[in-house]
Amino acid sequence: MTSEITWHKSSYSGARGDCVEVSEGRTAHIRDTQNRTQAQLSVSSSEWTALLDTLRAN
């Protein structure tokens, strides 16, 4: 399934290599750049938007 997903590095990723990749659409997929073959988190686009709004507010 992940081969069909277009990933990009999250703007929230740090400069020290603690990177997160995301794929945004009807469902948002989130994974650890250094462990791409391990599990990924998938949430609805509204949940993803709510998380980003919370992060921006803090």
PDB file of N, CA and C in Angstrom:
ATOM      1  N   MET A   1       0.818  -1.196   0.000  1.00  0.00           N
ATOM      2  CA  MET A   1       0.000   0.000   0.000  1.00  0.00           C
ATOM      3  C   MET A   1       0.860   1.258   0.000  1.00  0.00           C
ATOM      4  N   THR A   2       1.973   1.276   0.744  1.00  0.00           N
ATOM      5  CA  THR A   2       2.790   2.477   0.816  1.00  0.00           C
ATOM      6  C   THR A   2       3.452   2.824  -0.506  1.00  0.00           C
ATOM      7  N   SER A   3       3.581   1.869  -1.430  1.00  0.00           N
ATOM      8  CA  SER A   3       4.190   2.175  -2.718  1.00  0.00           C
ATOM      9  C   SER A   3       3.285   3.068  -3.557  1.00  0.00           C
ATOM     10  N   GLU A   4       1.991   3.115  -3.256  1.00  0.00           N
ATOM     11  CA  GLU A   4       1.047   3.956  -3.989  1.00  0.00           C
ATOM     12  C   GLU A   4       0.914   5.349  -3.375  1.00  0.00           C
ATOM     13  N   ILE A   5       1.555   5.580  -2.258  1.00  0.00           N
ATOM     14  CA  ILE A   5       1.440   6.839  -1.537  1.00  0.00           C
ATOM     15  C   ILE A   5       2.625   7.738  -1.882  1.00  0.00           C
ATOM     16  N   THR A   6       2.338   9.016  -2.108  1.00  0.00           N
ATOM     17  CA  THR A   6       3.383   9.998  -2.359  1.00  0.00           C
ATOM     18  C   THR A   6       3.712  10.680  -1.038  1.00  0.00           C
ATOM     19  N   TRP A   7       4.931  10.504  -0.579  1.00  0.00           N
ATOM     20  CA  TRP A   7       5.372  11.018   0.712  1.00  0.00           C
ATOM     21  C   TRP A   7       6.167  12.300   0.535  1.00  0.00           C
ATOM     22  N   HIS A   8       6.131  13.172   1.553  1.00  0.00           N
ATOM     23  CA  HIS A   8       7.015  14.332   1.620  1.00  0.00           C
ATOM     24  C   HIS A   8       7.418  14.560   3.069  1.00  0.00           C
ATOM     25  N   LYS A   9       8.572  15.172   3.253  1.00  0.00           N
ATOM     26  CA  LYS A   9       9.071  15.438   4.599  1.00  0.00           C
ATOM     27  C   LYS A   9       8.205  16.516   5.233  1.00  0.00           C
ATOM     28  N   SER A  10       7.753  16.263   6.433  1.00  0.00           N
ATOM     29  CA  SER A  10       6.928  17.221   7.155  1.00  0.00           C
ATOM     30  C   SER A  10       7.720  18.469   7.492  1.00  0.00           C
ATOM     31  N   SER A  11       7.073  19.617   7.421  1.00  0.00           N
ATOM     32  CA  SER A  11       7.731  20.867   7.801  1.00  0.00           C
ATOM     33  C   SER A  11       7.992  20.909   9.303  1.00  0.00           C
ATOM     34  N   TYR A  12       7.389  20.017  10.056  1.00  0.00           N
ATOM     35  CA  TYR A  12       7.610  19.933  11.497  1.00  0.00           C
ATOM     36  C   TYR A  12       8.817  19.066  11.853  1.00  0.00           C
ATOM     37  N   SER A  13       9.448  18.461  10.875  1.00  0.00           N
ATOM     38  CA  SER A  13      10.611  17.629  11.130  1.00  0.00           C
ATOM     39  C   SER A  13      11.785  18.483  11.579  1.00  0.00           C
ATOM     40  N   GLY A  14      12.565  17.938  12.473  1.00  0.00           N
ATOM     41  CA  GLY A  14      13.717  18.664  12.996  1.00  0.00           C
ATOM     42  C   GLY A  14      14.929  18.535  12.097  1.00  0.00           C
ATOM     43  N   ALA A  15      15.914  19.341  12.364  1.00  0.00           N
ATOM     44  CA  ALA A  15      17.147  19.351  11.575  1.00  0.00           C
ATOM     45  C   ALA A  15      18.139  18.294  12.043  1.00  0.00           C
ATOM     46  N   ARG A  16      17.860  17.610  13.148  1.00  0.00           N
ATOM     47  CA  ARG A  16      18.793  16.638  13.704  1.00  0.00           C
ATOM     48  C   ARG A  16      18.542  15.221  13.191  1.00  0.00           C
ATOM     49  N   GLY A  17      17.724  15.063  12.188  1.00  0.00           N
ATOM     50  CA  GLY A  17      17.466  13.738  11.648  1.00  0.00           C
ATOM     51  C   GLY A  17      16.222  13.080  12.199  1.00  0.00           C
ATOM     52  N   ASP A  18      15.505  13.779  13.081  1.00  0.00           N
ATOM     53  CA  ASP A  18      14.263  13.230  13.615  1.00  0.00           C
ATOM     54  C   ASP A  18      13.109  13.607  12.683  1.00  0.00           C
ATOM     55  N   CYS A  19      13.123  13.002  11.506  1.00  0.00           N
ATOM     56  CA  CYS A  19      12.212  13.375  10.432  1.00  0.00           C
ATOM     57  C   CYS A  19      10.932  12.543  10.429  1.00  0.00           C
ATOM     58  N   VAL A  20       9.890  13.204  10.002  1.00  0.00           N
ATOM     59  CA  VAL A  20       8.597  12.566   9.818  1.00  0.00           C
ATOM     60  C   VAL A  20       8.172  12.837   8.386  1.00  0.00           C
ATOM     61  N   GLU A  21       7.656  11.815   7.722  1.00  0.00           N
ATOM     62  CA  GLU A  21       7.125  11.977   6.373  1.00  0.00           C
ATOM     63  C   GLU A  21       5.610  11.851   6.437  1.00  0.00           C
ATOM     64  N   VAL A  22       4.939  12.633   5.594  1.00  0.00           N
ATOM     65  CA  VAL A  22       3.487  12.592   5.560  1.00  0.00           C
ATOM     66  C   VAL A  22       3.000  12.489   4.122  1.00  0.00           C
ATOM     67  N   SER A  23       1.803  11.986   4.001  1.00  0.00           N
ATOM     68  CA  SER A  23       1.091  11.974   2.732  1.00  0.00           C
ATOM     69  C   SER A  23      -0.311  12.467   3.050  1.00  0.00           C
ATOM     70  N   GLU A  24      -0.689  13.572   2.440  1.00  0.00           N
ATOM     71  CA  GLU A  24      -1.972  14.185   2.762  1.00  0.00           C
ATOM     72  C   GLU A  24      -2.976  13.987   1.641  1.00  0.00           C
ATOM     73  N   GLY A  25      -4.184  13.702   2.022  1.00  0.00           N
ATOM     74  CA  GLY A  25      -5.288  13.492   1.101  1.00  0.00           C
ATOM     75  C   GLY A  25      -6.535  13.250   1.925  1.00  0.00           C
ATOM     76  N   ARG A  26      -7.457  12.440   1.427  1.00  0.00           N
ATOM     77  CA  ARG A  26      -8.649  12.109   2.230  1.00  0.00           C
ATOM     78  C   ARG A  26      -8.247  11.447   3.532  1.00  0.00           C
ATOM     79  N   THR A  27      -7.151  10.713   3.489  1.00  0.00           N
ATOM     80  CA  THR A  27      -6.535  10.130   4.679  1.00  0.00           C
ATOM     81  C   THR A  27      -5.101  10.618   4.744  1.00  0.00           C
ATOM     82  N   ALA A  28      -4.668  11.026   5.929  1.00  0.00           N
ATOM     83  CA  ALA A  28      -3.276  11.445   6.116  1.00  0.00           C
ATOM     84  C   ALA A  28      -2.493  10.255   6.660  1.00  0.00           C
ATOM     85  N   HIS A  29      -1.337  10.021   6.075  1.00  0.00           N
ATOM     86  CA  HIS A  29      -0.450   8.939   6.511  1.00  0.00           C
ATOM     87  C   HIS A  29       0.807   9.581   7.063  1.00  0.00           C
ATOM     88  N   ILE A  30       1.294   9.070   8.198  1.00  0.00           N
ATOM     89  CA  ILE A  30       2.458   9.616   8.860  1.00  0.00           C
ATOM     90  C   ILE A  30       3.405   8.459   9.169  1.00  0.00           C
ATOM     91  N   ARG A  31       4.698   8.652   8.887  1.00  0.00           N
ATOM     92  CA  ARG A  31       5.668   7.601   9.199  1.00  0.00           C
ATOM     93  C   ARG A  31       7.003   8.230   9.589  1.00  0.00           C
ATOM     94  N   ASP A  32       7.816   7.448  10.249  1.00  0.00           N
ATOM     95  CA  ASP A  32       9.163   7.840  10.656  1.00  0.00           C
ATOM     96  C   ASP A  32      10.094   7.635   9.464  1.00  0.00           C
ATOM     97  N   THR A  33      10.803   8.669   9.066  1.00  0.00           N
ATOM     98  CA  THR A  33      11.697   8.584   7.917  1.00  0.00           C
ATOM     99  C   THR A  33      12.765   7.512   8.091  1.00  0.00           C
ATOM    100  N   GLN A  34      13.272   7.361   9.314  1.00  0.00           N
ATOM    101  CA  GLN A  34      14.346   6.402   9.550  1.00  0.00           C
ATOM    102  C   GLN A  34      13.842   4.968   9.668  1.00  0.00           C
ATOM    103  N   ASN A  35      12.546   4.776   9.790  1.00  0.00           N
ATOM    104  CA  ASN A  35      11.960   3.436   9.925  1.00  0.00           C
ATOM    105  C   ASN A  35      10.775   3.281   8.974  1.00  0.00           C
ATOM    106  N   ARG A  36      11.014   3.518   7.708  1.00  0.00           N
ATOM    107  CA  ARG A  36       9.951   3.537   6.706  1.00  0.00           C
ATOM    108  C   ARG A  36       9.190   2.224   6.581  1.00  0.00           C
ATOM    109  N   THR A  37       9.833   1.108   6.860  1.00  0.00           N
ATOM    110  CA  THR A  37       9.177  -0.186   6.686  1.00  0.00           C
ATOM    111  C   THR A  37       8.342  -0.594   7.895  1.00  0.00           C
ATOM    112  N   GLN A  38       8.481   0.138   8.983  1.00  0.00           N
ATOM    113  CA  GLN A  38       7.679  -0.160  10.160  1.00  0.00           C
ATOM    114  C   GLN A  38       6.296   0.467  10.007  1.00  0.00           C
ATOM    115  N   ALA A  39       5.490   0.326  11.003  1.00  0.00           N
ATOM    116  CA  ALA A  39       4.102   0.789  10.965  1.00  0.00           C
ATOM    117  C   ALA A  39       4.003   2.280  10.667  1.00  0.00           C
ATOM    118  N   GLN A  40       2.897   2.657  10.077  1.00  0.00           N
ATOM    119  CA  GLN A  40       2.597   4.056   9.826  1.00  0.00           C
ATOM    120  C   GLN A  40       1.268   4.378  10.490  1.00  0.00           C
ATOM    121  N   LEU A  41       1.062   5.638  10.777  1.00  0.00           N
ATOM    122  CA  LEU A  41      -0.175   6.108  11.375  1.00  0.00           C
ATOM    123  C   LEU A  41      -1.039   6.670  10.262  1.00  0.00           C
ATOM    124  N   SER A  42      -2.306   6.300  10.234  1.00  0.00           N
ATOM    125  CA  SER A  42      -3.241   6.818   9.243  1.00  0.00           C
ATOM    126  C   SER A  42      -4.442   7.410   9.972  1.00  0.00           C
ATOM    127  N   VAL A  43      -4.759   8.667   9.648  1.00  0.00           N
ATOM    128  CA  VAL A  43      -5.881   9.366  10.270  1.00  0.00           C
ATOM    129  C   VAL A  43      -6.675  10.096   9.197  1.00  0.00           C
ATOM    130  N   SER A  44      -7.905  10.448   9.524  1.00  0.00           N
ATOM    131  CA  SER A  44      -8.726  11.187   8.562  1.00  0.00           C
ATOM    132  C   SER A  44      -8.129  12.585   8.358  1.00  0.00           C
ATOM    133  N   SER A  45      -8.476  13.200   7.254  1.00  0.00           N
ATOM    134  CA  SER A  45      -7.935  14.533   6.973  1.00  0.00           C
ATOM    135  C   SER A  45      -8.398  15.541   8.025  1.00  0.00           C
ATOM    136  N   SER A  46      -9.599  15.378   8.572  1.00  0.00           N
ATOM    137  CA  SER A  46     -10.066  16.307   9.609  1.00  0.00           C
ATOM    138  C   SER A  46      -9.271  16.135  10.904  1.00  0.00           C
ATOM    139  N   GLU A  47      -8.903  14.908  11.234  1.00  0.00           N
ATOM    140  CA  GLU A  47      -8.063  14.670  12.415  1.00  0.00           C
ATOM    141  C   GLU A  47      -6.675  15.261  12.216  1.00  0.00           C
ATOM    142  N   TRP A  48      -6.129  15.093  11.030  1.00  0.00           N
ATOM    143  CA  TRP A  48      -4.806  15.639  10.708  1.00  0.00           C
ATOM    144  C   TRP A  48      -4.828  17.165  10.804  1.00  0.00           C
ATOM    145  N   THR A  49      -5.860  17.785  10.261  1.00  0.00           N
ATOM    146  CA  THR A  49      -5.993  19.237  10.314  1.00  0.00           C
ATOM    147  C   THR A  49      -6.101  19.721  11.756  1.00  0.00           C
ATOM    148  N   ALA A  50      -6.865  19.003  12.574  1.00  0.00           N
ATOM    149  CA  ALA A  50      -7.007  19.370  13.984  1.00  0.00           C
ATOM    150  C   ALA A  50      -5.662  19.289  14.705  1.00  0.00           C
ATOM    151  N   LEU A  51      -4.875  18.266  14.422  1.00  0.00           N
ATOM    152  CA  LEU A  51      -3.545  18.138  15.030  1.00  0.00           C
ATOM    153  C   LEU A  51      -2.650  19.297  14.617  1.00  0.00           C
ATOM    154  N   LEU A  52      -2.623  19.617  13.334  1.00  0.00           N
ATOM    155  CA  LEU A  52      -1.781  20.720  12.850  1.00  0.00           C
ATOM    156  C   LEU A  52      -2.219  22.047  13.452  1.00  0.00           C
ATOM    157  N   ASP A  53      -3.536  22.270  13.565  1.00  0.00           N
ATOM    158  CA  ASP A  53      -4.046  23.495  14.179  1.00  0.00           C
ATOM    159  C   ASP A  53      -3.594  23.601  15.632  1.00  0.00           C
ATOM    160  N   THR A  54      -3.624  22.481  16.348  1.00  0.00           N
ATOM    161  CA  THR A  54      -3.177  22.457  17.745  1.00  0.00           C
ATOM    162  C   THR A  54      -1.692  22.759  17.844  1.00  0.00           C
ATOM    163  N   LEU A  55      -0.892  22.173  16.966  1.00  0.00           N
ATOM    164  CA  LEU A  55       0.550  22.421  16.976  1.00  0.00           C
ATOM    165  C   LEU A  55       0.862  23.883  16.673  1.00  0.00           C
ATOM    166  N   ARG A  56       0.141  24.458  15.737  1.00  0.00           N
ATOM    167  CA  ARG A  56       0.381  25.856  15.376  1.00  0.00           C
ATOM    168  C   ARG A  56       0.005  26.810  16.511  1.00  0.00           C
ATOM    169  N   ALA A  57      -0.981  26.424  17.302  1.00  0.00           N
ATOM    170  CA  ALA A  57      -1.458  27.271  18.394  1.00  0.00           C
ATOM    171  C   ALA A  57      -0.508  27.285  19.586  1.00  0.00           C
ATOM    172  N   ASN A  58       0.377  26.295  19.639  1.00  0.00           N
ATOM    173  CA  ASN A  58       1.285  26.199  20.799  1.00  0.00           C
ATOM    174  C   ASN A  58       2.657  26.722  20.488  1.00  0.00           C
TER     175      ASN A  58
END
